[in-house]
């Protein structure tokens, strides 16, 4: 997302610099905007190809086969992982 904002800002500066100031602004900012636009397109295409190659849904419309459970998972007997649960477990042991 930040690439699109950067490319948009460079594009606006290139247009304003080309129309109002010309010269160096056009020579520098137009190629920078084109490089940013090209890299954004390539990065987006690469990300979509990677997502589809890893088994992810490329269109974002994947629905789970079964509904999610509506009960909380039972305690598995493992050590507590949150700081609050760890402190509670230490209090019980004392």
N, C-alpha and C. Protein backbone atom coordinates (compact mmCIF):
# COMPACT_ATOMS: atom_id res chain seq x y z
N UNK A 1 0.82 -1.20 0.00
CA UNK A 1 0.00 0.00 0.00
C UNK A 1 0.86 1.26 0.00
N UNK A 2 1.98 1.20 0.72
CA UNK A 2 2.82 2.38 0.79
C UNK A 2 3.46 2.68 -0.56
N UNK A 3 3.64 1.65 -1.39
CA UNK A 3 4.21 1.88 -2.72
C UNK A 3 3.25 2.70 -3.57
N UNK A 4 1.96 2.41 -3.47
CA UNK A 4 0.98 3.15 -4.25
C UNK A 4 0.95 4.63 -3.84
N UNK A 5 1.06 4.89 -2.56
CA UNK A 5 1.07 6.28 -2.09
C UNK A 5 2.32 6.99 -2.59
N UNK A 6 3.45 6.30 -2.54
CA UNK A 6 4.70 6.89 -3.02
C UNK A 6 4.65 7.17 -4.52
N UNK A 7 4.12 6.22 -5.28
CA UNK A 7 4.02 6.41 -6.73
C UNK A 7 3.05 7.55 -7.05
N UNK A 8 1.95 7.63 -6.32
CA UNK A 8 0.99 8.71 -6.54
C UNK A 8 1.63 10.07 -6.26
N UNK A 9 2.37 10.16 -5.16
CA UNK A 9 3.04 11.43 -4.83
C UNK A 9 4.08 11.79 -5.89
N UNK A 10 4.86 10.80 -6.33
CA UNK A 10 5.84 11.07 -7.38
C UNK A 10 5.17 11.46 -8.69
N UNK A 11 4.05 10.83 -9.01
CA UNK A 11 3.33 11.17 -10.23
C UNK A 11 2.80 12.59 -10.20
N UNK A 12 2.25 12.99 -9.06
CA UNK A 12 1.74 14.37 -8.94
C UNK A 12 2.89 15.37 -9.04
N UNK A 13 4.00 15.06 -8.34
CA UNK A 13 5.15 15.97 -8.43
C UNK A 13 5.71 16.02 -9.84
N UNK A 14 5.71 14.90 -10.54
CA UNK A 14 6.21 14.87 -11.91
C UNK A 14 5.33 15.71 -12.83
N UNK A 15 4.01 15.57 -12.67
CA UNK A 15 3.11 16.38 -13.50
C UNK A 15 3.24 17.86 -13.21
N UNK A 16 3.23 18.21 -11.93
CA UNK A 16 3.36 19.62 -11.58
C UNK A 16 4.74 20.16 -11.98
N UNK A 17 5.78 19.38 -11.72
CA UNK A 17 7.13 19.84 -12.10
C UNK A 17 7.30 19.92 -13.60
N UNK A 18 6.70 19.00 -14.33
CA UNK A 18 6.82 19.03 -15.79
C UNK A 18 6.09 20.19 -16.41
N UNK A 19 4.91 20.50 -15.86
CA UNK A 19 4.11 21.59 -16.43
C UNK A 19 4.64 22.95 -15.98
N UNK A 20 4.92 23.09 -14.69
CA UNK A 20 5.30 24.40 -14.17
C UNK A 20 6.80 24.68 -14.27
N UNK A 21 7.62 23.68 -13.96
CA UNK A 21 9.05 23.94 -13.87
C UNK A 21 9.84 23.31 -15.01
N UNK A 22 9.44 22.11 -15.44
CA UNK A 22 10.13 21.44 -16.54
C UNK A 22 11.55 21.05 -16.18
N UNK A 23 12.31 20.72 -17.17
CA UNK A 23 13.74 20.45 -16.99
C UNK A 23 14.04 19.27 -16.11
N UNK A 24 14.81 19.51 -15.04
CA UNK A 24 15.33 18.46 -14.18
C UNK A 24 14.21 17.70 -13.48
N UNK A 25 13.14 18.39 -13.09
CA UNK A 25 12.04 17.71 -12.40
C UNK A 25 11.42 16.63 -13.29
N UNK A 26 11.24 16.94 -14.54
CA UNK A 26 10.66 15.96 -15.46
C UNK A 26 11.65 14.82 -15.71
N UNK A 27 12.90 15.13 -15.87
CA UNK A 27 13.91 14.11 -16.16
C UNK A 27 14.08 13.16 -14.98
N UNK A 28 13.95 13.65 -13.75
CA UNK A 28 14.18 12.81 -12.57
C UNK A 28 12.89 12.13 -12.11
N UNK A 29 11.81 12.87 -11.99
CA UNK A 29 10.61 12.34 -11.34
C UNK A 29 9.80 11.39 -12.23
N UNK A 30 9.76 11.60 -13.51
CA UNK A 30 8.99 10.71 -14.38
C UNK A 30 9.59 9.30 -14.38
N UNK A 31 10.91 9.13 -14.55
CA UNK A 31 11.45 7.77 -14.46
C UNK A 31 11.27 7.14 -13.07
N UNK A 32 11.40 7.94 -12.01
CA UNK A 32 11.17 7.40 -10.67
C UNK A 32 9.74 6.92 -10.49
N UNK A 33 8.78 7.67 -11.00
CA UNK A 33 7.39 7.25 -10.92
C UNK A 33 7.14 5.98 -11.74
N UNK A 34 7.76 5.89 -12.90
CA UNK A 34 7.60 4.68 -13.73
C UNK A 34 8.24 3.46 -13.07
N UNK A 35 9.41 3.65 -12.46
CA UNK A 35 10.05 2.55 -11.74
C UNK A 35 9.19 2.10 -10.56
N UNK A 36 8.66 3.04 -9.82
CA UNK A 36 7.79 2.70 -8.70
C UNK A 36 6.53 1.99 -9.15
N UNK A 37 5.92 2.45 -10.22
CA UNK A 37 4.72 1.81 -10.74
C UNK A 37 5.03 0.40 -11.22
N UNK A 38 6.13 0.24 -11.95
CA UNK A 38 6.52 -1.09 -12.42
C UNK A 38 6.83 -2.04 -11.29
N UNK A 39 7.55 -1.57 -10.27
CA UNK A 39 7.88 -2.45 -9.15
C UNK A 39 6.63 -2.80 -8.35
N UNK A 40 5.69 -1.90 -8.23
CA UNK A 40 4.44 -2.20 -7.55
C UNK A 40 3.63 -3.27 -8.27
N UNK A 41 3.58 -3.18 -9.59
CA UNK A 41 2.85 -4.17 -10.39
C UNK A 41 3.53 -5.53 -10.29
N UNK A 42 4.87 -5.56 -10.42
CA UNK A 42 5.60 -6.82 -10.34
C UNK A 42 5.46 -7.44 -8.95
N UNK A 43 5.54 -6.63 -7.90
CA UNK A 43 5.41 -7.13 -6.54
C UNK A 43 4.02 -7.71 -6.29
N UNK A 44 2.99 -7.04 -6.80
CA UNK A 44 1.63 -7.55 -6.65
C UNK A 44 1.44 -8.86 -7.39
N UNK A 45 1.96 -8.95 -8.61
CA UNK A 45 1.85 -10.19 -9.38
C UNK A 45 2.62 -11.32 -8.70
N UNK A 46 3.79 -11.03 -8.17
CA UNK A 46 4.59 -12.04 -7.49
C UNK A 46 3.88 -12.53 -6.22
N UNK A 47 3.28 -11.61 -5.47
CA UNK A 47 2.55 -11.98 -4.26
C UNK A 47 1.36 -12.87 -4.56
N UNK A 48 0.62 -12.54 -5.61
CA UNK A 48 -0.53 -13.37 -5.99
C UNK A 48 -0.09 -14.74 -6.45
N UNK A 49 1.02 -14.82 -7.20
CA UNK A 49 1.51 -16.11 -7.67
C UNK A 49 2.00 -16.96 -6.50
N UNK A 50 2.66 -16.34 -5.53
CA UNK A 50 3.13 -17.06 -4.36
C UNK A 50 1.96 -17.57 -3.54
N UNK A 51 0.94 -16.75 -3.38
CA UNK A 51 -0.23 -17.14 -2.60
C UNK A 51 -0.94 -18.32 -3.26
N UNK A 52 -1.09 -18.29 -4.55
CA UNK A 52 -1.75 -19.38 -5.26
C UNK A 52 -0.88 -20.63 -5.26
N UNK A 53 0.44 -20.47 -5.32
CA UNK A 53 1.35 -21.61 -5.34
C UNK A 53 1.42 -22.34 -4.01
N UNK A 54 1.14 -21.65 -2.91
CA UNK A 54 1.19 -22.26 -1.59
C UNK A 54 -0.13 -22.88 -1.19
N UNK A 55 -1.07 -22.92 -2.09
CA UNK A 55 -2.35 -23.53 -1.78
C UNK A 55 -3.38 -22.55 -1.26
N UNK A 56 -3.04 -21.29 -1.17
CA UNK A 56 -3.99 -20.30 -0.71
C UNK A 56 -4.96 -19.93 -1.82
N UNK A 57 -6.08 -19.40 -1.44
CA UNK A 57 -7.07 -19.00 -2.43
C UNK A 57 -6.63 -17.69 -3.07
N UNK A 58 -6.54 -17.68 -4.38
CA UNK A 58 -6.11 -16.48 -5.09
C UNK A 58 -7.22 -15.44 -5.18
N UNK A 59 -8.48 -15.90 -5.10
CA UNK A 59 -9.59 -14.96 -5.22
C UNK A 59 -10.15 -14.53 -3.88
N UNK A 60 -9.72 -15.13 -2.79
CA UNK A 60 -10.16 -14.71 -1.47
C UNK A 60 -11.56 -15.17 -1.10
N UNK A 61 -12.10 -16.14 -1.80
CA UNK A 61 -13.46 -16.59 -1.52
C UNK A 61 -13.47 -18.03 -1.01
N UNK A 62 -12.49 -18.41 -0.24
CA UNK A 62 -12.41 -19.77 0.28
C UNK A 62 -13.26 -19.88 1.54
N UNK A 63 -14.14 -20.83 1.58
CA UNK A 63 -14.97 -21.07 2.75
C UNK A 63 -14.52 -22.37 3.42
N UNK A 64 -14.49 -22.42 4.75
CA UNK A 64 -14.08 -23.65 5.41
C UNK A 64 -15.08 -24.77 5.17
N UNK A 65 -14.58 -26.03 5.23
CA UNK A 65 -15.44 -27.18 4.98
C UNK A 65 -16.47 -27.37 6.07
N UNK A 66 -16.09 -27.06 7.32
CA UNK A 66 -17.03 -27.21 8.42
C UNK A 66 -17.06 -25.91 9.21
N UNK A 67 -18.13 -25.66 9.93
CA UNK A 67 -18.20 -24.41 10.69
C UNK A 67 -17.23 -24.42 11.86
N UNK A 68 -16.85 -23.24 12.29
CA UNK A 68 -15.96 -23.12 13.43
C UNK A 68 -16.68 -23.52 14.71
N UNK A 69 -15.98 -24.12 15.67
CA UNK A 69 -16.64 -24.51 16.92
C UNK A 69 -17.03 -23.28 17.71
N UNK A 70 -18.15 -23.39 18.43
CA UNK A 70 -18.60 -22.24 19.22
C UNK A 70 -18.38 -22.48 20.71
N UNK A 71 -17.51 -23.41 21.07
CA UNK A 71 -17.14 -23.62 22.47
C UNK A 71 -15.65 -23.35 22.61
N UNK A 72 -15.25 -22.97 23.80
CA UNK A 72 -13.85 -22.71 24.06
C UNK A 72 -13.09 -24.02 24.14
N UNK A 73 -11.85 -24.04 23.70
CA UNK A 73 -11.08 -25.28 23.77
C UNK A 73 -10.78 -25.66 25.22
N UNK A 74 -10.72 -26.95 25.49
CA UNK A 74 -10.42 -27.43 26.84
C UNK A 74 -8.94 -27.25 27.14
N UNK A 75 -8.61 -27.17 28.43
CA UNK A 75 -7.22 -27.04 28.84
C UNK A 75 -6.48 -28.32 28.50
N UNK A 76 -5.36 -28.20 27.82
CA UNK A 76 -4.64 -29.37 27.34
C UNK A 76 -3.62 -29.89 28.34
N UNK A 77 -3.44 -29.25 29.46
CA UNK A 77 -2.46 -29.69 30.44
C UNK A 77 -1.08 -29.11 30.20
N UNK A 78 -0.93 -28.34 29.16
CA UNK A 78 0.36 -27.71 28.90
C UNK A 78 0.60 -26.58 29.89
N UNK A 79 1.82 -26.11 29.91
CA UNK A 79 2.16 -24.98 30.78
C UNK A 79 1.41 -23.75 30.30
N UNK A 80 0.98 -22.89 31.23
CA UNK A 80 0.27 -21.67 30.83
C UNK A 80 1.18 -20.76 30.01
N UNK A 81 0.60 -20.12 29.02
CA UNK A 81 1.42 -19.33 28.11
C UNK A 81 1.30 -17.83 28.34
N UNK A 82 0.21 -17.36 28.91
CA UNK A 82 0.08 -15.93 29.12
C UNK A 82 0.68 -15.57 30.48
N UNK A 83 1.14 -14.34 30.66
CA UNK A 83 1.72 -13.94 31.94
C UNK A 83 0.72 -14.07 33.10
N UNK A 84 -0.56 -13.79 32.85
CA UNK A 84 -1.55 -13.88 33.92
C UNK A 84 -1.74 -15.33 34.35
N UNK A 85 -1.82 -16.25 33.39
CA UNK A 85 -2.00 -17.66 33.72
C UNK A 85 -0.76 -18.22 34.41
N UNK A 86 0.42 -17.74 34.01
CA UNK A 86 1.65 -18.19 34.64
C UNK A 86 1.69 -17.73 36.10
N UNK A 87 1.29 -16.49 36.35
CA UNK A 87 1.26 -15.97 37.72
C UNK A 87 0.23 -16.74 38.56
N UNK A 88 -0.92 -17.05 37.99
CA UNK A 88 -1.93 -17.83 38.71
C UNK A 88 -1.41 -19.23 39.04
N UNK A 89 -0.71 -19.86 38.11
CA UNK A 89 -0.18 -21.19 38.35
C UNK A 89 0.89 -21.16 39.44
N UNK A 90 1.70 -20.11 39.50
CA UNK A 90 2.70 -20.00 40.55
C UNK A 90 2.05 -19.78 41.91
N UNK A 91 0.96 -19.01 41.94
CA UNK A 91 0.25 -18.79 43.20
C UNK A 91 -0.33 -20.10 43.72
N UNK A 92 -0.84 -20.93 42.83
CA UNK A 92 -1.42 -22.20 43.24
C UNK A 92 -0.34 -23.11 43.80
N UNK A 93 0.85 -23.09 43.23
CA UNK A 93 1.93 -23.96 43.69
C UNK A 93 2.48 -23.54 45.04
N UNK A 94 2.35 -22.26 45.42
CA UNK A 94 2.94 -21.77 46.67
C UNK A 94 2.13 -22.17 47.85
